[in-house]
Amino acid sequence: MTEHDGPQGTQLIARVAAVMRALPHGPGGGRRLRDVAQATGLTEPTARRILAALVQERFVARDEASRRYRIGPVAVELGIGAGAHEQIDLLCRPILERTAAITGDTTNLVKRSGNEAICVIQCYGGYPVHVRLEQYQSRFPLGISTAGTVFLGTLPQDEIDEILDQALYDAAVLSRDDIRERLRNMARLGYVDIQDVPIPGIRGLGVPVPSVRGRPVFAVTTAALSQRMPDARVEEVVGHLQDAADLISETLAEL
């Protein structure tokens, strides 16, 4: 690969791809900066800039002790997800479709990915208004969406504080105080119940999928118009969500 000044567009993408391809082939699955530069034909300053950006986005991880760069957690998720998602969808979609049919409302399976929640399966119920509070493949920081609140609420207090201290929450649609109030409500109720915030007239409910490996990785959520989800109906709907979550937990435990 020959380097030219001012990489743009497809040339930059090609360089990033070359760097990613070079990483798994080093000793122990990682390479030092000079090795990456030699393998890709890039100068060390260019390779350093690309690696720094990839580390920032968690596509690459850097071992400070050995100073080697390795494939990072997001890249691993994408690699695993390409095959695992089909299996999860095949096993879990019928459960969610049944729950959506019973409740009549949109039902989601949401996965935790680092400090974000991403909707991986979305099923619509029979009610003509399909509320998509968590759209398919959308990502939200923990504490912002229904499922993100579920995941954040399962963490110990010191980890919650560390996450909420991040700068991205300075300009979030919810204040840190609002998020903490949501967490207190979750602790009191045993599930997440969000109404009118951030979208007026919408109510979202969510429960964690129990995990034998420790902290929940998945959550089951639903969303509907607030007028369709009065307080008197919440307990019934949450029961259906918990039934689905338990069945998904049993199903995924067999993988």
Protein backbone atom coordinates (compact mmCIF):
# COMPACT_ATOMS: atom_id res chain seq x y z
CA MET A 1 0.00 0.00 0.00
CA THR A 2 1.51 3.32 -1.08
CA GLU A 3 0.91 6.43 1.03
CA HIS A 4 -0.08 9.78 -0.45
CA ASP A 5 -0.60 13.12 1.23
CA GLY A 6 -4.09 14.23 2.26
CA PRO A 7 -5.99 10.93 2.50
CA GLN A 8 -9.69 11.39 1.85
CA GLY A 9 -12.74 9.30 1.11
CA THR A 10 -12.10 5.79 -0.12
CA GLN A 11 -8.34 6.13 0.34
CA LEU A 12 -8.76 6.77 4.06
CA ILE A 13 -11.20 3.88 4.37
CA ALA A 14 -8.69 1.62 2.64
CA ARG A 15 -6.00 2.67 5.11
CA VAL A 16 -8.24 2.01 8.10
CA ALA A 17 -9.14 -1.41 6.67
CA ALA A 18 -5.45 -2.21 6.15
CA VAL A 19 -4.69 -1.31 9.77
CA MET A 20 -7.53 -3.48 11.05
CA ARG A 21 -6.41 -6.42 8.91
CA ALA A 22 -2.84 -6.09 10.17
CA LEU A 23 -3.66 -6.34 13.88
CA PRO A 24 -4.67 -10.01 14.30
CA HIS A 25 -1.46 -11.26 12.69
CA GLY A 26 1.04 -10.01 15.25
CA PRO A 27 2.45 -12.03 18.18
CA GLY A 28 -0.32 -12.68 20.69
CA GLY A 29 -2.86 -11.14 18.34
CA GLY A 30 -1.42 -7.62 18.46
CA ARG A 31 1.22 -5.35 16.94
CA ARG A 32 3.27 -2.34 17.93
CA LEU A 33 3.01 0.92 16.04
CA ARG A 34 6.12 0.39 13.92
CA ASP A 35 4.93 -3.11 12.96
CA VAL A 36 1.55 -1.76 11.86
CA ALA A 37 3.27 0.93 9.80
CA GLN A 38 5.55 -1.62 8.12
CA ALA A 39 2.70 -4.05 7.42
CA THR A 40 0.50 -1.38 5.85
CA GLY A 41 3.07 0.82 4.13
CA LEU A 42 1.97 3.84 6.15
CA THR A 43 4.26 6.25 7.93
CA GLU A 44 4.26 5.92 11.71
CA PRO A 45 2.55 9.32 12.26
CA THR A 46 -0.30 8.33 9.91
CA ALA A 47 -0.64 4.88 11.47
CA ARG A 48 -0.62 6.48 14.94
CA ARG A 49 -3.47 8.86 14.03
CA ILE A 50 -5.58 6.05 12.59
CA LEU A 51 -4.94 3.79 15.58
CA ALA A 52 -5.74 6.60 18.03
CA ALA A 53 -9.10 7.18 16.33
CA LEU A 54 -9.87 3.45 16.33
CA VAL A 55 -8.97 3.19 20.03
CA GLN A 56 -11.27 6.12 20.78
CA GLU A 57 -14.14 4.31 19.04
CA ARG A 58 -13.22 0.98 20.72
CA PHE A 59 -12.54 -0.81 17.42
CA VAL A 60 -8.95 -1.22 18.62
CA ALA A 61 -7.53 -1.71 22.13
CA ARG A 62 -4.02 -0.72 23.24
CA ASP A 63 -2.11 -2.66 25.87
CA GLU A 64 -0.19 0.00 27.79
CA ALA A 65 2.33 -2.50 29.17
CA SER A 66 3.36 -4.08 25.86
CA ARG A 67 2.35 -1.07 23.73
CA ARG A 68 0.68 -3.47 21.33
CA TYR A 69 -2.56 -2.74 19.51
CA ARG A 70 -5.20 -5.44 19.29
CA ILE A 71 -8.70 -5.86 17.91
CA GLY A 72 -11.04 -3.99 20.28
CA PRO A 73 -14.42 -4.84 21.83
CA VAL A 74 -16.63 -3.17 19.22
CA ALA A 75 -14.86 -5.00 16.38
CA VAL A 76 -15.24 -8.25 18.32
CA GLU A 77 -18.95 -7.53 18.84
CA LEU A 78 -19.41 -6.97 15.13
CA GLY A 79 -17.57 -10.17 14.27
CA ILE A 80 -19.46 -12.26 16.79
CA GLY A 81 -22.69 -10.47 16.06
CA ALA A 82 -22.64 -11.34 12.38
CA GLY A 83 -23.19 -15.00 13.22
CA ALA A 84 -24.73 -14.84 16.67
CA HIS A 85 -27.42 -12.31 15.75
CA GLU A 86 -29.06 -14.72 13.31
CA GLN A 87 -29.24 -17.41 15.98
CA ILE A 88 -30.56 -15.01 18.63
CA ASP A 89 -33.14 -13.68 16.19
CA LEU A 90 -34.23 -17.19 15.24
CA LEU A 91 -34.67 -18.25 18.87
CA CYS A 92 -36.04 -15.06 20.43
CA ARG A 93 -38.22 -13.49 17.75
CA PRO A 94 -41.08 -16.00 18.21
CA ILE A 95 -41.15 -15.18 21.94
CA LEU A 96 -41.30 -11.46 21.25
CA GLU A 97 -43.89 -11.87 18.50
CA ARG A 98 -46.10 -13.79 20.91
CA THR A 99 -45.72 -11.08 23.55
CA ALA A 100 -46.50 -8.36 21.01
CA ALA A 101 -49.58 -10.30 19.90
CA ILE A 102 -50.80 -10.62 23.50
CA THR A 103 -50.23 -6.97 24.43
CA GLY A 104 -50.97 -5.52 21.01
CA ASP A 105 -47.96 -3.21 21.34
CA THR A 106 -44.40 -2.92 20.05
CA THR A 107 -42.08 -5.31 21.88
CA ASN A 108 -38.27 -5.15 21.72
CA LEU A 109 -35.21 -7.15 22.63
CA VAL A 110 -32.41 -4.72 23.48
CA LYS A 111 -28.76 -5.64 24.04
CA ARG A 112 -26.19 -3.87 26.14
CA SER A 113 -23.08 -2.90 24.19
CA GLY A 114 -20.54 -1.25 26.47
CA ASN A 115 -22.21 1.88 27.80
CA GLU A 116 -24.92 1.83 25.15
CA ALA A 117 -28.17 -0.04 24.56
CA ILE A 118 -28.99 -1.23 21.04
CA CYS A 119 -32.33 -2.62 19.86
CA VAL A 120 -31.66 -5.96 18.10
CA ILE A 121 -35.21 -7.28 17.57
CA GLN A 122 -38.43 -5.29 17.22
CA CYS A 123 -41.89 -6.82 16.84
CA TYR A 124 -45.17 -4.98 16.30
CA GLY A 125 -48.47 -5.79 17.94
CA GLY A 126 -51.93 -5.56 16.44
CA TYR A 127 -52.64 -2.02 17.60
CA PRO A 128 -52.50 0.23 14.51
CA VAL A 129 -50.20 2.84 16.09
CA HIS A 130 -46.70 1.34 16.29
CA VAL A 131 -44.71 3.23 18.91
CA ARG A 132 -40.97 2.87 18.39
CA LEU A 133 -39.45 4.48 21.46
CA GLU A 134 -36.37 2.33 20.82
CA GLN A 135 -36.04 1.93 17.07
CA TYR A 136 -34.45 -1.16 15.56
CA GLN A 137 -30.63 -0.89 15.52
CA SER A 138 -30.77 2.47 17.32
CA ARG A 139 -28.20 3.11 20.05
CA PHE A 140 -28.75 5.07 23.26
CA PRO A 141 -26.41 5.83 26.18
CA LEU A 142 -27.25 3.94 29.35
CA GLY A 143 -29.96 5.72 31.33
CA ILE A 144 -31.56 7.47 28.37
CA SER A 145 -33.81 4.82 26.82
CA THR A 146 -36.08 2.33 28.58
CA ALA A 147 -33.62 -0.55 28.22
CA GLY A 148 -30.68 1.75 28.92
CA THR A 149 -32.28 2.53 32.27
CA VAL A 150 -32.75 -1.20 32.91
CA PHE A 151 -29.05 -1.87 32.31
CA LEU A 152 -27.85 1.11 34.33
CA GLY A 153 -30.12 0.16 37.22
CA THR A 154 -28.49 -3.27 37.53
CA LEU A 155 -25.02 -1.81 38.14
CA PRO A 156 -23.41 -1.02 41.51
CA GLN A 157 -23.54 2.62 42.58
CA ASP A 158 -19.86 3.36 41.92
CA GLU A 159 -20.20 2.23 38.30
CA ILE A 160 -23.38 4.26 37.87
CA ASP A 161 -21.57 7.34 39.15
CA GLU A 162 -18.60 6.71 36.85
CA ILE A 163 -20.85 6.36 33.79
CA LEU A 164 -22.94 9.43 34.57
CA ASP A 165 -19.78 11.49 35.08
CA GLN A 166 -19.03 11.17 31.36
CA ALA A 167 -19.21 14.40 29.37
CA LEU A 168 -21.85 13.07 26.97
CA TYR A 169 -24.46 13.42 29.73
CA ASP A 170 -23.81 17.17 29.92
CA ALA A 171 -26.01 17.69 26.86
CA ALA A 172 -28.24 14.60 27.08
CA VAL A 173 -32.01 14.84 26.65
CA LEU A 174 -32.29 13.90 30.34
CA SER A 175 -30.40 15.48 33.20
CA ARG A 176 -28.35 13.33 35.55
CA ASP A 177 -30.93 14.04 38.28
CA ASP A 178 -33.71 12.79 35.99
CA ILE A 179 -31.77 9.60 35.29
CA ARG A 180 -31.12 9.00 38.99
CA GLU A 181 -34.83 9.48 39.69
CA ARG A 182 -35.58 6.83 37.07
CA LEU A 183 -33.17 4.46 38.79
CA ARG A 184 -34.83 5.04 42.17
CA ASN A 185 -38.21 4.24 40.62
CA MET A 186 -36.79 1.08 39.07
CA ALA A 187 -35.41 -0.03 42.44
CA ARG A 188 -38.81 0.58 44.04
CA LEU A 189 -40.92 -1.07 41.32
CA GLY A 190 -38.62 -3.83 40.10
CA TYR A 191 -39.02 -2.68 36.48
CA VAL A 192 -38.60 0.48 34.42
CA ASP A 193 -41.65 2.69 33.85
CA ILE A 194 -41.02 5.80 31.74
CA GLN A 195 -43.80 8.19 30.79
CA ASP A 196 -43.85 11.40 28.71
CA VAL A 197 -40.06 11.90 28.85
CA PRO A 198 -38.39 12.41 26.46
CA ILE A 199 -41.47 12.00 24.21
CA PRO A 200 -44.79 13.39 25.53
CA GLY A 201 -47.71 10.99 25.30
CA ILE A 202 -45.55 7.85 25.19
CA ARG A 203 -45.05 5.29 27.96
CA GLY A 204 -42.29 2.69 27.99
CA LEU A 205 -41.86 -0.37 30.22
CA GLY A 206 -38.82 -2.61 30.52
CA VAL A 207 -37.44 -5.59 32.44
CA PRO A 208 -34.02 -7.28 32.43
CA VAL A 209 -33.48 -10.71 30.95
CA PRO A 210 -32.02 -12.78 33.82
CA SER A 211 -28.49 -14.00 33.13
CA VAL A 212 -26.74 -16.93 34.78
CA ARG A 213 -23.46 -15.19 33.91
CA GLY A 214 -24.14 -12.18 36.14
CA ARG A 215 -25.30 -8.79 34.96
CA PRO A 216 -28.07 -8.71 32.35
CA VAL A 217 -26.96 -8.31 28.76
CA PHE A 218 -30.49 -8.17 27.33
CA ALA A 219 -33.72 -6.42 28.25
CA VAL A 220 -37.30 -6.78 27.02
CA THR A 221 -39.17 -3.52 26.54
CA THR A 222 -42.45 -2.24 25.18
CA ALA A 223 -43.84 1.16 24.29
CA ALA A 224 -47.34 2.49 23.68
CA LEU A 225 -49.39 5.65 23.70
CA SER A 226 -49.86 6.77 27.31
CA GLN A 227 -53.64 6.71 26.88
CA ARG A 228 -53.36 3.06 25.90
CA MET A 229 -51.11 2.25 28.87
CA PRO A 230 -52.98 3.50 31.98
CA ASP A 231 -51.69 2.59 35.44
CA ALA A 232 -54.31 -0.15 35.74
CA ARG A 233 -52.81 -1.97 32.73
CA VAL A 234 -49.13 -1.66 33.63
CA GLU A 235 -48.94 -4.63 36.01
CA GLU A 236 -50.49 -6.94 33.42
CA VAL A 237 -48.13 -5.81 30.65
CA VAL A 238 -45.07 -6.03 32.90
CA GLY A 239 -46.08 -9.60 33.72
CA HIS A 240 -46.05 -10.48 30.02
CA LEU A 241 -42.64 -8.82 29.61
CA GLN A 242 -41.24 -10.76 32.56
CA ASP A 243 -42.62 -14.02 31.16
CA ALA A 244 -40.89 -13.27 27.85
CA ALA A 245 -37.65 -12.30 29.62
CA ASP A 246 -37.61 -15.54 31.63
CA LEU A 247 -38.24 -17.63 28.52
CA ILE A 248 -35.52 -15.79 26.58
CA SER A 249 -33.13 -16.34 29.50
CA GLU A 250 -33.81 -20.08 29.43
CA THR A 251 -33.46 -20.16 25.65
CA LEU A 252 -30.17 -18.25 25.51
CA ALA A 253 -28.71 -20.29 28.38
CA GLU A 254 -28.72 -23.27 26.03
CA LEU A 255 -26.50 -21.56 23.44
